[in-house]
Amino acid sequence: MSAYFTRTGGAPTAFGAAGAVKTGLVANYQVQGIDFYIGVNGPGVTVTLPPSSQIYPGKSFYIKDESGLAGTVNAITLSGGGANIDKSASMTMQANFISLQVLWTGTFWSII
């Protein structure tokens, strides 16, 4: 048995396009629809997820503390960009080398 999926509309995902991997961020960042991985190195950085008009249900992003200091001095704030993240408008990532994946359900961001 083989697995497959059918695309029902919209432009194909620009995976691998310029901007898909952002690494070494030291300033606040607005996630773009083509992004895949967001690596944070700076103190007090806020990562804001894109609005629902720029993405599709099932789109996910990985956010990572690359500095290894999120638990001590470089906490990362993740903002839902106007939508909730598991019933909260934002969340704080506070563990060294923490990473998480968020998925847009079509209604809210889900941490998976």
PDB file of N, CA and C in Angstrom:
ATOM      1  N   MET A   1       0.841  -1.172   0.000  1.00  0.00           N
ATOM      2  CA  MET A   1       0.000   0.000   0.000  1.00  0.00           C
ATOM      3  C   MET A   1       0.886   1.234   0.000  1.00  0.00           C
ATOM      4  N   SER A   2       0.635   2.145  -0.899  1.00  0.00           N
ATOM      5  CA  SER A   2       1.432   3.369  -0.943  1.00  0.00           C
ATOM      6  C   SER A   2       0.608   4.547  -0.436  1.00  0.00           C
ATOM      7  N   ALA A   3       1.287   5.473   0.204  1.00  0.00           N
ATOM      8  CA  ALA A   3       0.625   6.674   0.709  1.00  0.00           C
ATOM      9  C   ALA A   3       0.728   7.776  -0.332  1.00  0.00           C
ATOM     10  N   TYR A   4      -0.272   8.605  -0.418  1.00  0.00           N
ATOM     11  CA  TYR A   4      -0.257   9.721  -1.343  1.00  0.00           C
ATOM     12  C   TYR A   4      -1.184  10.809  -0.843  1.00  0.00           C
ATOM     13  N   PHE A   5      -1.126  11.972  -1.456  1.00  0.00           N
ATOM     14  CA  PHE A   5      -2.060  13.039  -1.149  1.00  0.00           C
ATOM     15  C   PHE A   5      -2.386  13.761  -2.442  1.00  0.00           C
ATOM     16  N   THR A   6      -3.503  14.463  -2.433  1.00  0.00           N
ATOM     17  CA  THR A   6      -3.932  15.218  -3.600  1.00  0.00           C
ATOM     18  C   THR A   6      -4.045  16.675  -3.219  1.00  0.00           C
ATOM     19  N   ARG A   7      -3.438  17.539  -3.992  1.00  0.00           N
ATOM     20  CA  ARG A   7      -3.530  18.979  -3.771  1.00  0.00           C
ATOM     21  C   ARG A   7      -4.844  19.458  -4.342  1.00  0.00           C
ATOM     22  N   THR A   8      -5.625  20.199  -3.549  1.00  0.00           N
ATOM     23  CA  THR A   8      -6.945  20.627  -3.991  1.00  0.00           C
ATOM     24  C   THR A   8      -7.013  22.079  -4.421  1.00  0.00           C
ATOM     25  N   GLY A   9      -5.929  22.801  -4.368  1.00  0.00           N
ATOM     26  CA  GLY A   9      -5.954  24.189  -4.812  1.00  0.00           C
ATOM     27  C   GLY A   9      -4.856  25.012  -4.197  1.00  0.00           C
ATOM     28  N   GLY A  10      -4.712  26.190  -4.704  1.00  0.00           N
ATOM     29  CA  GLY A  10      -3.694  27.095  -4.198  1.00  0.00           C
ATOM     30  C   GLY A  10      -2.346  26.842  -4.833  1.00  0.00           C
ATOM     31  N   ALA A  11      -1.470  27.775  -4.621  1.00  0.00           N
ATOM     32  CA  ALA A  11      -0.126  27.672  -5.180  1.00  0.00           C
ATOM     33  C   ALA A  11       0.661  26.619  -4.417  1.00  0.00           C
ATOM     34  N   PRO A  12       1.555  25.905  -5.072  1.00  0.00           N
ATOM     35  CA  PRO A  12       2.372  24.922  -4.369  1.00  0.00           C
ATOM     36  C   PRO A  12       3.297  25.603  -3.377  1.00  0.00           C
ATOM     37  N   THR A  13       3.641  24.893  -2.338  1.00  0.00           N
ATOM     38  CA  THR A  13       4.547  25.407  -1.322  1.00  0.00           C
ATOM     39  C   THR A  13       5.917  25.649  -1.920  1.00  0.00           C
ATOM     40  N   ALA A  14       6.498  26.774  -1.576  1.00  0.00           N
ATOM     41  CA  ALA A  14       7.822  27.128  -2.102  1.00  0.00           C
ATOM     42  C   ALA A  14       8.913  26.584  -1.190  1.00  0.00           C
ATOM     43  N   PHE A  15       8.825  25.315  -0.812  1.00  0.00           N
ATOM     44  CA  PHE A  15       9.819  24.721   0.063  1.00  0.00           C
ATOM     45  C   PHE A  15      11.174  24.746  -0.632  1.00  0.00           C
ATOM     46  N   GLY A  16      12.179  25.153   0.092  1.00  0.00           N
ATOM     47  CA  GLY A  16      13.515  25.228  -0.469  1.00  0.00           C
ATOM     48  C   GLY A  16      13.798  26.561  -1.136  1.00  0.00           C
ATOM     49  N   ALA A  17      12.786  27.420  -1.214  1.00  0.00           N
ATOM     50  CA  ALA A  17      12.979  28.730  -1.815  1.00  0.00           C
ATOM     51  C   ALA A  17      13.778  29.606  -0.864  1.00  0.00           C
ATOM     52  N   ALA A  18      14.297  30.694  -1.389  1.00  0.00           N
ATOM     53  CA  ALA A  18      15.049  31.632  -0.554  1.00  0.00           C
ATOM     54  C   ALA A  18      14.197  32.031   0.640  1.00  0.00           C
ATOM     55  N   GLY A  19      14.765  31.946   1.815  1.00  0.00           N
ATOM     56  CA  GLY A  19      14.040  32.336   3.011  1.00  0.00           C
ATOM     57  C   GLY A  19      13.449  31.167   3.769  1.00  0.00           C
ATOM     58  N   ALA A  20      13.475  29.955   3.216  1.00  0.00           N
ATOM     59  CA  ALA A  20      12.851  28.819   3.879  1.00  0.00           C
ATOM     60  C   ALA A  20      13.526  28.483   5.203  1.00  0.00           C
ATOM     61  N   VAL A  21      14.829  28.715   5.305  1.00  0.00           N
ATOM     62  CA  VAL A  21      15.561  28.471   6.546  1.00  0.00           C
ATOM     63  C   VAL A  21      16.131  29.793   7.026  1.00  0.00           C
ATOM     64  N   LYS A  22      15.704  30.216   8.205  1.00  0.00           N
ATOM     65  CA  LYS A  22      16.239  31.417   8.841  1.00  0.00           C
ATOM     66  C   LYS A  22      17.010  30.963  10.057  1.00  0.00           C
ATOM     67  N   THR A  23      18.251  31.352  10.129  1.00  0.00           N
ATOM     68  CA  THR A  23      19.092  30.909  11.235  1.00  0.00           C
ATOM     69  C   THR A  23      19.879  32.094  11.796  1.00  0.00           C
ATOM     70  N   GLY A  24      20.241  32.009  13.068  1.00  0.00           N
ATOM     71  CA  GLY A  24      21.039  33.062  13.693  1.00  0.00           C
ATOM     72  C   GLY A  24      20.291  34.355  13.953  1.00  0.00           C
ATOM     73  N   LEU A  25      18.971  34.299  14.093  1.00  0.00           N
ATOM     74  CA  LEU A  25      18.197  35.528  14.299  1.00  0.00           C
ATOM     75  C   LEU A  25      18.501  36.150  15.657  1.00  0.00           C
ATOM     76  N   VAL A  26      18.744  37.464  15.641  1.00  0.00           N
ATOM     77  CA  VAL A  26      19.022  38.194  16.878  1.00  0.00           C
ATOM     78  C   VAL A  26      18.048  39.354  17.072  1.00  0.00           C
ATOM     79  N   ALA A  27      17.066  39.480  16.177  1.00  0.00           N
ATOM     80  CA  ALA A  27      16.057  40.535  16.282  1.00  0.00           C
ATOM     81  C   ALA A  27      14.684  39.900  16.052  1.00  0.00           C
ATOM     82  N   ASN A  28      13.643  40.602  16.455  1.00  0.00           N
ATOM     83  CA  ASN A  28      12.278  40.115  16.253  1.00  0.00           C
ATOM     84  C   ASN A  28      12.075  39.729  14.795  1.00  0.00           C
ATOM     85  N   TYR A  29      11.253  38.705  14.557  1.00  0.00           N
ATOM     86  CA  TYR A  29      11.092  38.190  13.207  1.00  0.00           C
ATOM     87  C   TYR A  29       9.629  37.864  12.919  1.00  0.00           C
ATOM     88  N   GLN A  30       9.152  38.319  11.769  1.00  0.00           N
ATOM     89  CA  GLN A  30       7.819  37.993  11.258  1.00  0.00           C
ATOM     90  C   GLN A  30       7.979  36.802  10.313  1.00  0.00           C
ATOM     91  N   VAL A  31       7.457  35.650  10.698  1.00  0.00           N
ATOM     92  CA  VAL A  31       7.585  34.441   9.888  1.00  0.00           C
ATOM     93  C   VAL A  31       6.855  34.631   8.563  1.00  0.00           C
ATOM     94  N   GLN A  32       7.488  34.194   7.483  1.00  0.00           N
ATOM     95  CA  GLN A  32       6.905  34.264   6.148  1.00  0.00           C
ATOM     96  C   GLN A  32       6.321  32.902   5.781  1.00  0.00           C
ATOM     97  N   GLY A  33       5.361  32.893   4.887  1.00  0.00           N
ATOM     98  CA  GLY A  33       4.714  31.654   4.490  1.00  0.00           C
ATOM     99  C   GLY A  33       5.654  30.618   3.904  1.00  0.00           C
ATOM    100  N   ILE A  34       6.767  31.068   3.316  1.00  0.00           N
ATOM    101  CA  ILE A  34       7.712  30.124   2.713  1.00  0.00           C
ATOM    102  C   ILE A  34       8.722  29.575   3.719  1.00  0.00           C
ATOM    103  N   ASP A  35       8.759  30.130   4.929  1.00  0.00           N
ATOM    104  CA  ASP A  35       9.713  29.670   5.934  1.00  0.00           C
ATOM    105  C   ASP A  35       9.386  28.249   6.377  1.00  0.00           C
ATOM    106  N   PHE A  36      10.419  27.582   6.871  1.00  0.00           N
ATOM    107  CA  PHE A  36      10.273  26.228   7.380  1.00  0.00           C
ATOM    108  C   PHE A  36      10.912  26.116   8.763  1.00  0.00           C
ATOM    109  N   TYR A  37      12.134  26.647   8.886  1.00  0.00           N
ATOM    110  CA  TYR A  37      12.904  26.574  10.125  1.00  0.00           C
ATOM    111  C   TYR A  37      13.292  27.982  10.539  1.00  0.00           C
ATOM    112  N   ILE A  38      13.078  28.307  11.824  1.00  0.00           N
ATOM    113  CA  ILE A  38      13.436  29.615  12.359  1.00  0.00           C
ATOM    114  C   ILE A  38      14.353  29.367  13.560  1.00  0.00           C
ATOM    115  N   GLY A  39      15.630  29.720  13.413  1.00  0.00           N
ATOM    116  CA  GLY A  39      16.614  29.532  14.475  1.00  0.00           C
ATOM    117  C   GLY A  39      16.945  30.855  15.138  1.00  0.00           C
ATOM    118  N   VAL A  40      16.810  30.908  16.465  1.00  0.00           N
ATOM    119  CA  VAL A  40      16.985  32.154  17.216  1.00  0.00           C
ATOM    120  C   VAL A  40      18.256  32.098  18.051  1.00  0.00           C
ATOM    121  N   ASN A  41      19.043  33.196  17.997  1.00  0.00           N
ATOM    122  CA  ASN A  41      20.289  33.300  18.756  1.00  0.00           C
ATOM    123  C   ASN A  41      20.330  34.490  19.700  1.00  0.00           C
ATOM    124  N   GLY A  42      19.421  35.420  19.570  1.00  0.00           N
ATOM    125  CA  GLY A  42      19.515  36.654  20.338  1.00  0.00           C
ATOM    126  C   GLY A  42      18.636  36.687  21.569  1.00  0.00           C
ATOM    127  N   PRO A  43      18.924  37.620  22.469  1.00  0.00           N
ATOM    128  CA  PRO A  43      18.121  37.773  23.682  1.00  0.00           C
ATOM    129  C   PRO A  43      16.811  38.497  23.404  1.00  0.00           C
ATOM    130  N   GLY A  44      15.752  38.032  24.021  1.00  0.00           N
ATOM    131  CA  GLY A  44      14.475  38.728  23.964  1.00  0.00           C
ATOM    132  C   GLY A  44      13.830  38.774  22.596  1.00  0.00           C
ATOM    133  N   VAL A  45      14.071  37.802  21.746  1.00  0.00           N
ATOM    134  CA  VAL A  45      13.511  37.798  20.393  1.00  0.00           C
ATOM    135  C   VAL A  45      12.058  37.323  20.427  1.00  0.00           C
ATOM    136  N   THR A  46      11.206  38.041  19.672  1.00  0.00           N
ATOM    137  CA  THR A  46       9.819  37.618  19.468  1.00  0.00           C
ATOM    138  C   THR A  46       9.687  37.110  18.045  1.00  0.00           C
ATOM    139  N   VAL A  47       9.178  35.904  17.903  1.00  0.00           N
ATOM    140  CA  VAL A  47       8.897  35.309  16.607  1.00  0.00           C
ATOM    141  C   VAL A  47       7.383  35.345  16.430  1.00  0.00           C
ATOM    142  N   THR A  48       6.924  36.047  15.386  1.00  0.00           N
ATOM    143  CA  THR A  48       5.487  36.184  15.143  1.00  0.00           C
ATOM    144  C   THR A  48       5.078  35.322  13.962  1.00  0.00           C
ATOM    145  N   LEU A  49       4.144  34.423  14.199  1.00  0.00           N
ATOM    146  CA  LEU A  49       3.666  33.525  13.155  1.00  0.00           C
ATOM    147  C   LEU A  49       2.824  34.301  12.153  1.00  0.00           C
ATOM    148  N   PRO A  50       2.754  33.836  10.910  1.00  0.00           N
ATOM    149  CA  PRO A  50       2.042  34.586   9.871  1.00  0.00           C
ATOM    150  C   PRO A  50       0.528  34.540  10.059  1.00  0.00           C
ATOM    151  N   PRO A  51      -0.180  35.540   9.514  1.00  0.00           N
ATOM    152  CA  PRO A  51      -1.643  35.528   9.573  1.00  0.00           C
ATOM    153  C   PRO A  51      -2.208  34.412   8.701  1.00  0.00           C
ATOM    154  N   SER A  52      -3.405  33.986   9.037  1.00  0.00           N
ATOM    155  CA  SER A  52      -4.024  32.855   8.338  1.00  0.00           C
ATOM    156  C   SER A  52      -4.192  33.096   6.843  1.00  0.00           C
ATOM    157  N   SER A  53      -4.249  34.352   6.419  1.00  0.00           N
ATOM    158  CA  SER A  53      -4.423  34.657   4.997  1.00  0.00           C
ATOM    159  C   SER A  53      -3.181  34.317   4.178  1.00  0.00           C
ATOM    160  N   GLN A  54      -2.038  34.086   4.847  1.00  0.00           N
ATOM    161  CA  GLN A  54      -0.786  33.814   4.142  1.00  0.00           C
ATOM    162  C   GLN A  54      -0.390  32.340   4.153  1.00  0.00           C
ATOM    163  N   ILE A  55      -1.180  31.492   4.797  1.00  0.00           N
ATOM    164  CA  ILE A  55      -0.824  30.075   4.900  1.00  0.00           C
ATOM    165  C   ILE A  55      -2.056  29.208   4.690  1.00  0.00           C
ATOM    166  N   TYR A  56      -1.876  27.917   4.731  1.00  0.00           N
ATOM    167  CA  TYR A  56      -2.957  26.967   4.527  1.00  0.00           C
ATOM    168  C   TYR A  56      -2.972  25.969   5.688  1.00  0.00           C
ATOM    169  N   PRO A  57      -4.130  25.359   5.966  1.00  0.00           N
ATOM    170  CA  PRO A  57      -4.173  24.352   7.021  1.00  0.00           C
ATOM    171  C   PRO A  57      -3.170  23.234   6.735  1.00  0.00           C
ATOM    172  N   GLY A  58      -2.452  22.850   7.763  1.00  0.00           N
ATOM    173  CA  GLY A  58      -1.432  21.826   7.635  1.00  0.00           C
ATOM    174  C   GLY A  58      -0.023  22.382   7.526  1.00  0.00           C
ATOM    175  N   LYS A  59       0.118  23.693   7.308  1.00  0.00           N
ATOM    176  CA  LYS A  59       1.442  24.317   7.230  1.00  0.00           C
ATOM    177  C   LYS A  59       2.059  24.328   8.623  1.00  0.00           C
ATOM    178  N   SER A  60       3.330  23.953   8.705  1.00  0.00           N
ATOM    179  CA  SER A  60       3.994  23.952  10.004  1.00  0.00           C
ATOM    180  C   SER A  60       5.343  24.655   9.921  1.00  0.00           C
ATOM    181  N   PHE A  61       5.813  25.070  11.076  1.00  0.00           N
ATOM    182  CA  PHE A  61       7.100  25.742  11.213  1.00  0.00           C
ATOM    183  C   PHE A  61       7.821  25.146  12.413  1.00  0.00           C
ATOM    184  N   TYR A  62       9.156  25.104  12.328  1.00  0.00           N
ATOM    185  CA  TYR A  62       9.993  24.697  13.449  1.00  0.00           C
ATOM    186  C   TYR A  62      10.680  25.942  13.993  1.00  0.00           C
ATOM    187  N   ILE A  63      10.637  26.112  15.313  1.00  0.00           N
ATOM    188  CA  ILE A  63      11.316  27.226  15.975  1.00  0.00           C
ATOM    189  C   ILE A  63      12.320  26.614  16.951  1.00  0.00           C
ATOM    190  N   LYS A  64      13.565  27.115  16.926  1.00  0.00           N
ATOM    191  CA  LYS A  64      14.651  26.503  17.708  1.00  0.00           C
ATOM    192  C   LYS A  64      15.504  27.553  18.402  1.00  0.00           C
ATOM    193  N   ASP A  65      15.846  27.288  19.657  1.00  0.00           N
ATOM    194  CA  ASP A  65      16.834  28.093  20.380  1.00  0.00           C
ATOM    195  C   ASP A  65      18.218  27.598  19.987  1.00  0.00           C
ATOM    196  N   GLU A  66      18.852  28.294  19.072  1.00  0.00           N
ATOM    197  CA  GLU A  66      20.191  27.899  18.620  1.00  0.00           C
ATOM    198  C   GLU A  66      21.291  28.318  19.596  1.00  0.00           C
ATOM    199  N   SER A  67      21.012  29.323  20.430  1.00  0.00           N
ATOM    200  CA  SER A  67      22.035  29.826  21.347  1.00  0.00           C
ATOM    201  C   SER A  67      22.262  28.889  22.530  1.00  0.00           C
ATOM    202  N   GLY A  68      21.259  28.109  22.866  1.00  0.00           N
ATOM    203  CA  GLY A  68      21.358  27.263  24.057  1.00  0.00           C
ATOM    204  C   GLY A  68      21.182  28.032  25.341  1.00  0.00           C
ATOM    205  N   LEU A  69      20.621  29.245  25.226  1.00  0.00           N
ATOM    206  CA  LEU A  69      20.472  30.093  26.413  1.00  0.00           C
ATOM    207  C   LEU A  69      19.029  30.524  26.682  1.00  0.00           C
ATOM    208  N   ALA A  70      18.054  29.899  26.028  1.00  0.00           N
ATOM    209  CA  ALA A  70      16.651  30.314  26.218  1.00  0.00           C
ATOM    210  C   ALA A  70      16.190  30.082  27.657  1.00  0.00           C
ATOM    211  N   GLY A  71      16.799  29.159  28.352  1.00  0.00           N
ATOM    212  CA  GLY A  71      16.412  28.886  29.732  1.00  0.00           C
ATOM    213  C   GLY A  71      17.026  29.825  30.740  1.00  0.00           C
ATOM    214  N   THR A  72      18.001  30.627  30.301  1.00  0.00           N
ATOM    215  CA  THR A  72      18.680  31.510  31.245  1.00  0.00           C
ATOM    216  C   THR A  72      18.530  32.986  30.870  1.00  0.00           C
ATOM    217  N   VAL A  73      19.012  33.390  29.693  1.00  0.00           N
ATOM    218  CA  VAL A  73      18.989  34.820  29.352  1.00  0.00           C
ATOM    219  C   VAL A  73      18.327  35.135  28.012  1.00  0.00           C
ATOM    220  N   ASN A  74      18.098  34.150  27.171  1.00  0.00           N
ATOM    221  CA  ASN A  74      17.582  34.403  25.820  1.00  0.00           C
ATOM    222  C   ASN A  74      16.205  33.795  25.580  1.00  0.00           C
ATOM    223  N   ALA A  75      15.268  34.009  26.494  1.00  0.00           N
ATOM    224  CA  ALA A  75      13.919  33.467  26.302  1.00  0.00           C
ATOM    225  C   ALA A  75      13.358  33.954  24.967  1.00  0.00           C
ATOM    226  N   ILE A  76      12.623  33.081  24.307  1.00  0.00           N
ATOM    227  CA  ILE A  76      12.026  33.387  23.007  1.00  0.00           C
ATOM    228  C   ILE A  76      10.523  33.493  23.188  1.00  0.00           C
ATOM    229  N   THR A  77       9.932  34.582  22.698  1.00  0.00           N
ATOM    230  CA  THR A  77       8.484  34.726  22.722  1.00  0.00           C
ATOM    231  C   THR A  77       7.945  34.342  21.361  1.00  0.00           C
ATOM    232  N   LEU A  78       6.959  33.470  21.352  1.00  0.00           N
ATOM    233  CA  LEU A  78       6.297  33.046  20.125  1.00  0.00           C
ATOM    234  C   LEU A  78       4.897  33.621  20.135  1.00  0.00           C
ATOM    235  N   SER A  79       4.604  34.471  19.143  1.00  0.00           N
ATOM    236  CA  SER A  79       3.298  35.121  19.030  1.00  0.00           C
ATOM    237  C   SER A  79       2.476  34.446  17.940  1.00  0.00           C
ATOM    238  N   GLY A  80       1.192  34.278  18.207  1.00  0.00           N
ATOM    239  CA  GLY A  80       0.301  33.639  17.245  1.00  0.00           C
ATOM    240  C   GLY A  80      -0.083  34.507  16.075  1.00  0.00           C
ATOM    241  N   GLY A  81       0.359  35.753  16.034  1.00  0.00           N
ATOM    242  CA  GLY A  81       0.062  36.626  14.898  1.00  0.00           C
ATOM    243  C   GLY A  81      -1.419  36.883  14.713  1.00  0.00           C
ATOM    244  N   GLY A  82      -2.155  36.993  15.813  1.00  0.00           N
ATOM    245  CA  GLY A  82      -3.590  37.248  15.741  1.00  0.00           C
ATOM    246  C   GLY A  82      -4.430  35.998  15.960  1.00  0.00           C
ATOM    247  N   ALA A  83      -3.813  34.841  15.981  1.00  0.00           N
ATOM    248  CA  ALA A  83      -4.512  33.589  16.266  1.00  0.00           C
ATOM    249  C   ALA A  83      -3.910  32.974  17.524  1.00  0.00           C
ATOM    250  N   ASN A  84      -4.624  32.094  18.147  1.00  0.00           N
ATOM    251  CA  ASN A  84      -4.133  31.455  19.363  1.00  0.00           C
ATOM    252  C   ASN A  84      -3.165  30.320  19.072  1.00  0.00           C
ATOM    253  N   ILE A  85      -2.264  30.109  20.024  1.00  0.00           N
ATOM    254  CA  ILE A  85      -1.381  28.957  20.040  1.00  0.00           C
ATOM    255  C   ILE A  85      -1.881  28.093  21.189  1.00  0.00           C
ATOM    256  N   ASP A  86      -2.568  27.024  20.878  1.00  0.00           N
ATOM    257  CA  ASP A  86      -3.156  26.175  21.926  1.00  0.00           C
ATOM    258  C   ASP A  86      -3.827  27.020  23.016  1.00  0.00           C
ATOM    259  N   LYS A  87      -4.720  27.890  22.625  1.00  0.00           N
ATOM    260  CA  LYS A  87      -5.577  28.722  23.486  1.00  0.00           C
ATOM    261  C   LYS A  87      -4.877  29.902  24.150  1.00  0.00           C
ATOM    262  N   SER A  88      -3.662  30.232  23.712  1.00  0.00           N
ATOM    263  CA  SER A  88      -2.960  31.400  24.229  1.00  0.00           C
ATOM    264  C   SER A  88      -2.530  32.285  23.068  1.00  0.00           C
ATOM    265  N   ALA A  89      -2.533  33.589  23.269  1.00  0.00           N
ATOM    266  CA  ALA A  89      -2.123  34.524  22.218  1.00  0.00           C
ATOM    267  C   ALA A  89      -0.630  34.419  21.930  1.00  0.00           C
ATOM    268  N   SER A  90       0.146  34.029  22.960  1.00  0.00           N
ATOM    269  CA  SER A  90       1.588  33.883  22.790  1.00  0.00           C
ATOM    270  C   SER A  90       2.090  32.879  23.817  1.00  0.00           C
ATOM    271  N   MET A  91       3.335  32.495  23.646  1.00  0.00           N
ATOM    272  CA  MET A  91       3.965  31.610  24.619  1.00  0.00           C
ATOM    273  C   MET A  91       5.436  31.965  24.707  1.00  0.00           C
ATOM    274  N   THR A  92       6.071  31.562  25.792  1.00  0.00           N
ATOM    275  CA  THR A  92       7.487  31.823  25.986  1.00  0.00           C
ATOM    276  C   THR A  92       8.236  30.490  26.006  1.00  0.00           C
ATOM    277  N   MET A  93       9.276  30.436  25.206  1.00  0.00           N
ATOM    278  CA  MET A  93      10.129  29.251  25.152  1.00  0.00           C
ATOM    279  C   MET A  93      11.301  29.494  26.100  1.00  0.00           C
ATOM    280  N   GLN A  94      11.401  28.716  27.178  1.00  0.00           N
ATOM    281  CA  GLN A  94      12.396  28.959  28.218  1.00  0.00           C
ATOM    282  C   GLN A  94      13.114  27.688  28.646  1.00  0.00           C
ATOM    283  N   ALA A  95      13.739  27.023  27.720  1.00  0.00           N
ATOM    284  CA  ALA A  95      14.590  25.874  28.036  1.00  0.00           C
ATOM    285  C   ALA A  95      15.755  25.896  27.046  1.00  0.00           C
ATOM    286  N   ASN A  96      16.926  25.615  27.524  1.00  0.00           N
ATOM    287  CA  ASN A  96      18.110  25.647  26.661  1.00  0.00           C
ATOM    288  C   ASN A  96      17.953  24.669  25.494  1.00  0.00           C
ATOM    289  N   PHE A  97      18.236  25.148  24.305  1.00  0.00           N
ATOM    290  CA  PHE A  97      18.149  24.390  23.051  1.00  0.00           C
ATOM    291  C   PHE A  97      16.743  23.874  22.742  1.00  0.00           C
ATOM    292  N   ILE A  98      15.743  24.492  23.334  1.00  0.00           N
ATOM    293  CA  ILE A  98      14.363  24.071  23.085  1.00  0.00           C
ATOM    294  C   ILE A  98      14.021  24.237  21.603  1.00  0.00           C
ATOM    295  N   SER A  99      13.205  23.352  21.109  1.00  0.00           N
ATOM    296  CA  SER A  99      12.651  23.505  19.773  1.00  0.00           C
ATOM    297  C   SER A  99      11.219  23.019  19.817  1.00  0.00           C
ATOM    298  N   LEU A 100      10.411  23.548  18.933  1.00  0.00           N
ATOM    299  CA  LEU A 100       9.050  23.069  18.830  1.00  0.00           C
ATOM    300  C   LEU A 100       8.552  23.249  17.412  1.00  0.00           C
ATOM    301  N   GLN A 101       7.540  22.508  17.104  1.00  0.00           N
ATOM    302  CA  GLN A 101       6.894  22.596  15.805  1.00  0.00           C
ATOM    303  C   GLN A 101       5.466  23.058  16.044  1.00  0.00           C
ATOM    304  N   VAL A 102       5.040  24.048  15.267  1.00  0.00           N
ATOM    305  CA  VAL A 102       3.652  24.499  15.328  1.00  0.00           C
ATOM    306  C   VAL A 102       2.987  24.224  13.985  1.00  0.00           C
ATOM    307  N   LEU A 103       1.714  23.863  14.038  1.00  0.00           N
ATOM    308  CA  LEU A 103       0.954  23.525  12.845  1.00  0.00           C
ATOM    309  C   LEU A 103      -0.313  24.365  12.805  1.00  0.00           C
ATOM    310  N   TRP A 104      -0.597  24.959  11.643  1.00  0.00           N
ATOM    311  CA  TRP A 104      -1.817  25.750  11.465  1.00  0.00           C
ATOM    312  C   TRP A 104      -2.964  24.785  11.143  1.00  0.00           C
ATOM    313  N   THR A 105      -3.980  24.759  11.993  1.00  0.00           N
ATOM    314  CA  THR A 105      -5.108  23.849  11.811  1.00  0.00           C
ATOM    315  C   THR A 105      -6.193  24.422  10.907  1.00  0.00           C
ATOM    316  N   GLY A 106      -6.077  25.692  10.593  1.00  0.00           N
ATOM    317  CA  GLY A 106      -7.129  26.401   9.870  1.00  0.00           C
ATOM    318  C   GLY A 106      -7.906  27.304  10.806  1.00  0.00           C
ATOM    319  N   THR A 107      -7.745  27.069  12.122  1.00  0.00           N
ATOM    320  CA  THR A 107      -8.432  27.855  13.146  1.00  0.00           C
ATOM    321  C   THR A 107      -7.464  28.390  14.200  1.00  0.00           C
ATOM    322  N   PHE A 108      -6.472  27.597  14.553  1.00  0.00           N
ATOM    323  CA  PHE A 108      -5.497  27.984  15.584  1.00  0.00           C
ATOM    324  C   PHE A 108      -4.181  27.273  15.309  1.00  0.00           C
ATOM    325  N   TRP A 109      -3.119  27.726  16.009  1.00  0.00           N
ATOM    326  CA  TRP A 109      -1.813  27.087  15.939  1.00  0.00           C
ATOM    327  C   TRP A 109      -1.784  25.986  16.991  1.00  0.00           C
ATOM    328  N   SER A 110      -1.333  24.818  16.600  1.00  0.00           N
ATOM    329  CA  SER A 110      -1.225  23.687  17.497  1.00  0.00           C
ATOM    330  C   SER A 110       0.240  23.303  17.646  1.00  0.00           C
ATOM    331  N   ILE A 111       0.700  23.155  18.888  1.00  0.00           N
ATOM    332  CA  ILE A 111       2.055  22.691  19.124  1.00  0.00           C
ATOM    333  C   ILE A 111       2.039  21.171  19.000  1.00  0.00           C
ATOM    334  N   ILE A 112       2.922  20.673  18.122  1.00  0.00           N
ATOM    335  CA  ILE A 112       2.939  19.217  17.922  1.00  0.00           C
ATOM    336  C   ILE A 112       4.331  18.660  18.164  1.00  0.00           C
TER     337      ILE A 112
END
